N, C-alpha and C. Protein backbone atom coordinates (compact mmCIF):
# COMPACT_ATOMS: atom_id res chain seq x y z
N MET A 1 -5.62 13.07 0.36
CA MET A 1 -6.30 11.90 0.87
C MET A 1 -5.44 10.68 0.56
N PRO A 2 -4.99 9.97 1.58
CA PRO A 2 -4.18 8.76 1.36
C PRO A 2 -4.94 7.71 0.56
N THR A 3 -4.24 7.15 -0.42
CA THR A 3 -4.83 6.15 -1.32
C THR A 3 -3.87 4.99 -1.46
N ALA A 4 -4.42 3.79 -1.59
CA ALA A 4 -3.60 2.60 -1.82
C ALA A 4 -4.32 1.66 -2.77
N TYR A 5 -3.54 0.87 -3.48
CA TYR A 5 -4.06 -0.25 -4.25
C TYR A 5 -3.60 -1.51 -3.54
N VAL A 6 -4.53 -2.43 -3.34
CA VAL A 6 -4.23 -3.66 -2.63
C VAL A 6 -4.50 -4.83 -3.57
N LEU A 7 -3.47 -5.63 -3.84
CA LEU A 7 -3.58 -6.83 -4.66
C LEU A 7 -3.74 -8.03 -3.73
N LEU A 8 -4.72 -8.89 -4.03
CA LEU A 8 -5.03 -10.01 -3.14
C LEU A 8 -5.00 -11.34 -3.88
N ASN A 9 -4.45 -12.35 -3.21
CA ASN A 9 -4.57 -13.74 -3.64
C ASN A 9 -5.62 -14.37 -2.75
N THR A 10 -6.61 -14.98 -3.35
CA THR A 10 -7.68 -15.61 -2.57
C THR A 10 -7.56 -17.13 -2.65
N GLU A 11 -8.31 -17.79 -1.78
CA GLU A 11 -8.43 -19.24 -1.90
C GLU A 11 -9.11 -19.56 -3.22
N ILE A 12 -8.85 -20.71 -3.77
CA ILE A 12 -9.45 -21.10 -5.05
C ILE A 12 -10.97 -21.10 -4.90
N GLY A 13 -11.62 -20.40 -5.82
CA GLY A 13 -13.08 -20.34 -5.84
C GLY A 13 -13.68 -19.29 -4.92
N ALA A 14 -12.86 -18.53 -4.20
CA ALA A 14 -13.38 -17.55 -3.24
C ALA A 14 -13.40 -16.13 -3.78
N GLU A 15 -13.05 -15.95 -5.03
CA GLU A 15 -12.91 -14.60 -5.59
C GLU A 15 -14.19 -13.77 -5.45
N ASN A 16 -15.34 -14.32 -5.83
CA ASN A 16 -16.59 -13.55 -5.77
C ASN A 16 -16.99 -13.22 -4.34
N GLN A 17 -16.79 -14.15 -3.43
CA GLN A 17 -17.10 -13.91 -2.02
C GLN A 17 -16.23 -12.78 -1.48
N VAL A 18 -14.96 -12.78 -1.81
CA VAL A 18 -14.05 -11.73 -1.36
C VAL A 18 -14.43 -10.39 -1.99
N LEU A 19 -14.76 -10.38 -3.28
CA LEU A 19 -15.19 -9.14 -3.95
C LEU A 19 -16.39 -8.53 -3.24
N LYS A 20 -17.40 -9.33 -2.97
CA LYS A 20 -18.61 -8.83 -2.32
C LYS A 20 -18.30 -8.27 -0.92
N ALA A 21 -17.45 -8.96 -0.17
CA ALA A 21 -17.09 -8.51 1.18
C ALA A 21 -16.32 -7.19 1.12
N LEU A 22 -15.40 -7.06 0.17
CA LEU A 22 -14.61 -5.84 0.06
C LEU A 22 -15.48 -4.64 -0.30
N LYS A 23 -16.48 -4.84 -1.15
CA LYS A 23 -17.36 -3.75 -1.56
C LYS A 23 -18.13 -3.15 -0.39
N ARG A 24 -18.31 -3.92 0.68
CA ARG A 24 -19.05 -3.45 1.85
C ARG A 24 -18.18 -2.68 2.85
N ILE A 25 -16.88 -2.65 2.62
CA ILE A 25 -15.96 -1.98 3.56
C ILE A 25 -15.87 -0.50 3.22
N GLU A 26 -16.11 0.33 4.25
CA GLU A 26 -15.99 1.77 4.06
C GLU A 26 -14.54 2.12 3.71
N GLY A 27 -14.38 2.93 2.67
CA GLY A 27 -13.05 3.32 2.22
C GLY A 27 -12.61 2.57 0.97
N VAL A 28 -13.21 1.42 0.71
CA VAL A 28 -12.89 0.68 -0.51
C VAL A 28 -13.70 1.31 -1.64
N GLN A 29 -13.01 1.97 -2.56
CA GLN A 29 -13.66 2.72 -3.64
C GLN A 29 -14.00 1.85 -4.85
N GLU A 30 -13.09 0.95 -5.19
CA GLU A 30 -13.27 0.08 -6.35
C GLU A 30 -12.71 -1.29 -6.04
N VAL A 31 -13.32 -2.31 -6.63
CA VAL A 31 -12.81 -3.67 -6.50
C VAL A 31 -12.98 -4.36 -7.86
N HIS A 32 -11.94 -5.05 -8.31
CA HIS A 32 -12.00 -5.72 -9.61
C HIS A 32 -11.38 -7.11 -9.52
N SER A 33 -11.94 -8.05 -10.27
CA SER A 33 -11.33 -9.37 -10.43
C SER A 33 -10.20 -9.26 -11.44
N LEU A 34 -9.18 -10.07 -11.26
CA LEU A 34 -8.02 -10.06 -12.16
C LEU A 34 -7.73 -11.46 -12.68
N TRP A 35 -7.05 -11.51 -13.79
CA TRP A 35 -6.44 -12.74 -14.30
C TRP A 35 -4.95 -12.54 -14.17
N GLY A 36 -4.26 -13.50 -13.65
CA GLY A 36 -2.82 -13.37 -13.51
C GLY A 36 -2.37 -13.82 -12.14
N VAL A 37 -1.29 -13.23 -11.66
CA VAL A 37 -0.69 -13.62 -10.39
C VAL A 37 -1.66 -13.34 -9.23
N TYR A 38 -2.37 -12.21 -9.28
CA TYR A 38 -3.31 -11.84 -8.22
C TYR A 38 -4.74 -12.04 -8.71
N ASP A 39 -5.65 -12.23 -7.76
CA ASP A 39 -7.05 -12.51 -8.08
C ASP A 39 -7.94 -11.28 -8.00
N VAL A 40 -7.60 -10.34 -7.13
CA VAL A 40 -8.45 -9.18 -6.86
C VAL A 40 -7.56 -7.95 -6.64
N ILE A 41 -8.04 -6.80 -7.11
CA ILE A 41 -7.40 -5.52 -6.80
C ILE A 41 -8.44 -4.60 -6.21
N ALA A 42 -8.05 -3.88 -5.15
CA ALA A 42 -8.95 -2.93 -4.49
C ALA A 42 -8.28 -1.57 -4.41
N ASN A 43 -9.05 -0.53 -4.67
CA ASN A 43 -8.61 0.85 -4.52
C ASN A 43 -9.18 1.34 -3.19
N VAL A 44 -8.31 1.74 -2.27
CA VAL A 44 -8.74 2.12 -0.92
C VAL A 44 -8.34 3.56 -0.64
N ASN A 45 -9.30 4.37 -0.14
CA ASN A 45 -9.05 5.76 0.24
C ASN A 45 -9.45 5.95 1.69
N ALA A 46 -8.78 6.86 2.38
CA ALA A 46 -9.13 7.19 3.76
C ALA A 46 -8.77 8.65 4.02
N GLU A 47 -9.32 9.19 5.10
CA GLU A 47 -9.06 10.58 5.46
C GLU A 47 -7.64 10.79 5.97
N THR A 48 -7.10 9.78 6.64
CA THR A 48 -5.74 9.88 7.19
C THR A 48 -4.97 8.60 6.89
N MET A 49 -3.66 8.67 7.03
CA MET A 49 -2.82 7.49 6.82
C MET A 49 -3.13 6.42 7.87
N GLU A 50 -3.43 6.83 9.09
CA GLU A 50 -3.77 5.87 10.14
C GLU A 50 -5.03 5.09 9.79
N LYS A 51 -6.05 5.79 9.27
CA LYS A 51 -7.29 5.12 8.87
C LYS A 51 -7.05 4.19 7.69
N LEU A 52 -6.20 4.62 6.77
CA LEU A 52 -5.86 3.77 5.62
C LEU A 52 -5.21 2.48 6.09
N LYS A 53 -4.24 2.60 6.99
CA LYS A 53 -3.57 1.42 7.54
C LYS A 53 -4.57 0.50 8.24
N TYR A 54 -5.50 1.08 8.99
CA TYR A 54 -6.50 0.30 9.70
C TYR A 54 -7.39 -0.48 8.72
N ILE A 55 -7.85 0.19 7.67
CA ILE A 55 -8.70 -0.48 6.69
C ILE A 55 -7.97 -1.66 6.06
N ILE A 56 -6.71 -1.43 5.69
CA ILE A 56 -5.95 -2.47 4.99
C ILE A 56 -5.58 -3.62 5.93
N THR A 57 -5.10 -3.32 7.10
CA THR A 57 -4.62 -4.39 7.98
C THR A 57 -5.74 -5.08 8.74
N LYS A 58 -6.72 -4.32 9.23
CA LYS A 58 -7.77 -4.90 10.07
C LYS A 58 -9.01 -5.28 9.28
N ARG A 59 -9.60 -4.31 8.60
CA ARG A 59 -10.88 -4.56 7.92
C ARG A 59 -10.73 -5.56 6.77
N ILE A 60 -9.76 -5.35 5.89
CA ILE A 60 -9.55 -6.29 4.79
C ILE A 60 -9.04 -7.62 5.33
N GLY A 61 -8.24 -7.56 6.36
CA GLY A 61 -7.74 -8.79 6.98
C GLY A 61 -8.83 -9.67 7.57
N GLN A 62 -9.95 -9.07 7.98
CA GLN A 62 -11.07 -9.81 8.56
C GLN A 62 -11.95 -10.48 7.52
N VAL A 63 -11.76 -10.16 6.25
CA VAL A 63 -12.62 -10.71 5.20
C VAL A 63 -12.54 -12.23 5.15
N GLY A 64 -11.35 -12.77 5.34
CA GLY A 64 -11.17 -14.22 5.29
C GLY A 64 -11.01 -14.71 3.86
N ARG A 65 -10.51 -15.92 3.73
CA ARG A 65 -10.28 -16.59 2.44
C ARG A 65 -9.28 -15.83 1.56
N ILE A 66 -8.45 -14.97 2.20
CA ILE A 66 -7.38 -14.26 1.50
C ILE A 66 -6.07 -14.91 1.92
N ASN A 67 -5.32 -15.41 0.93
CA ASN A 67 -4.04 -16.07 1.22
C ASN A 67 -2.89 -15.08 1.39
N SER A 68 -2.89 -14.02 0.58
CA SER A 68 -1.82 -13.03 0.68
C SER A 68 -2.29 -11.72 0.08
N LYS A 69 -1.57 -10.64 0.44
CA LYS A 69 -1.89 -9.34 -0.13
C LYS A 69 -0.61 -8.52 -0.33
N LEU A 70 -0.66 -7.66 -1.32
CA LEU A 70 0.44 -6.73 -1.62
C LEU A 70 -0.18 -5.34 -1.66
N THR A 71 0.30 -4.46 -0.80
CA THR A 71 -0.25 -3.10 -0.70
C THR A 71 0.71 -2.11 -1.32
N MET A 72 0.16 -1.24 -2.15
CA MET A 72 0.95 -0.18 -2.79
C MET A 72 0.29 1.15 -2.44
N ILE A 73 0.95 1.92 -1.59
CA ILE A 73 0.41 3.22 -1.17
C ILE A 73 0.90 4.28 -2.14
N ILE A 74 -0.02 5.09 -2.62
CA ILE A 74 0.30 6.14 -3.58
C ILE A 74 1.07 7.25 -2.86
N THR A 75 2.20 7.64 -3.41
CA THR A 75 2.99 8.71 -2.80
C THR A 75 2.81 10.04 -3.53
N GLU A 76 2.50 9.98 -4.81
CA GLU A 76 2.33 11.21 -5.58
C GLU A 76 1.42 10.92 -6.75
N LYS A 77 0.46 11.79 -6.98
CA LYS A 77 -0.46 11.62 -8.10
C LYS A 77 0.03 12.43 -9.29
N ALA A 78 -0.24 11.93 -10.47
CA ALA A 78 0.10 12.65 -11.70
C ALA A 78 -0.80 13.88 -11.80
N PRO A 79 -0.32 14.94 -12.41
CA PRO A 79 -1.14 16.14 -12.53
C PRO A 79 -2.37 15.88 -13.38
N SER A 80 -3.46 16.60 -13.08
CA SER A 80 -4.66 16.49 -13.90
C SER A 80 -4.39 17.13 -15.25
N ASN A 81 -5.31 16.98 -16.19
CA ASN A 81 -5.11 17.53 -17.53
C ASN A 81 -4.88 19.04 -17.51
N SER A 82 -5.62 19.78 -16.69
CA SER A 82 -5.46 21.23 -16.66
C SER A 82 -4.08 21.61 -16.09
N GLU A 83 -3.63 20.91 -15.04
CA GLU A 83 -2.30 21.17 -14.49
C GLU A 83 -1.22 20.79 -15.50
N GLU A 84 -1.46 19.70 -16.18
CA GLU A 84 -0.49 19.22 -17.16
C GLU A 84 -0.32 20.24 -18.28
N GLN A 85 -1.42 20.85 -18.72
CA GLN A 85 -1.35 21.83 -19.78
C GLN A 85 -0.56 23.05 -19.33
N LEU A 86 -0.68 23.42 -18.06
CA LEU A 86 0.06 24.58 -17.55
C LEU A 86 1.55 24.33 -17.48
N PHE A 87 1.93 23.17 -16.99
CA PHE A 87 3.34 22.90 -16.71
C PHE A 87 4.06 22.12 -17.81
N PHE A 88 3.33 21.37 -18.59
CA PHE A 88 3.97 20.51 -19.57
C PHE A 88 3.53 20.82 -21.00
N ALA A 89 3.09 22.05 -21.24
CA ALA A 89 2.66 22.42 -22.58
C ALA A 89 3.86 22.38 -23.52
N PRO A 90 3.62 21.94 -24.76
CA PRO A 90 4.73 21.90 -25.71
C PRO A 90 5.29 23.31 -25.93
N LYS A 91 6.57 23.40 -26.00
CA LYS A 91 7.22 24.68 -26.21
C LYS A 91 7.69 24.78 -27.66
N THR A 92 7.58 25.97 -28.19
CA THR A 92 8.04 26.20 -29.55
C THR A 92 9.55 26.42 -29.52
N ILE A 93 10.22 25.73 -30.38
CA ILE A 93 11.67 25.89 -30.47
C ILE A 93 11.98 26.70 -31.72
N GLU A 94 12.65 27.80 -31.50
CA GLU A 94 13.02 28.65 -32.63
C GLU A 94 14.40 28.24 -33.12
N THR A 95 14.53 28.15 -34.40
CA THR A 95 15.82 27.81 -34.97
C THR A 95 16.25 28.92 -35.91
N ALA A 96 17.52 29.10 -36.00
CA ALA A 96 18.07 30.12 -36.89
C ALA A 96 18.89 29.41 -37.95
N LEU A 97 18.79 29.91 -39.13
CA LEU A 97 19.61 29.35 -40.21
C LEU A 97 20.98 29.98 -40.17
N VAL A 98 21.97 29.17 -40.18
CA VAL A 98 23.34 29.65 -40.15
C VAL A 98 23.90 29.50 -41.55
N PRO A 99 24.42 30.62 -42.10
CA PRO A 99 24.97 30.51 -43.48
C PRO A 99 26.23 29.66 -43.54
């Protein structure tokens, strides 16, 4: 499932309005206010890459009061804990004493 994180700069004082609007968009899984360079971060999921692009460019673009956005599309997810244990389990290293 294609996933992206979208960082948004909003107009001054528009953060809460943008947060509420983003929460109503299908595909937006999480939305958080930030302190720093960006004002809002959104986690967006879709069934296809085309739908993901549509949500980011059209639906989020229609929210208004957004000055700029930076989109980061996830290319590879880290393994879950069970997968990690299978592939990255600590290995025992045997050492021999050399006289």
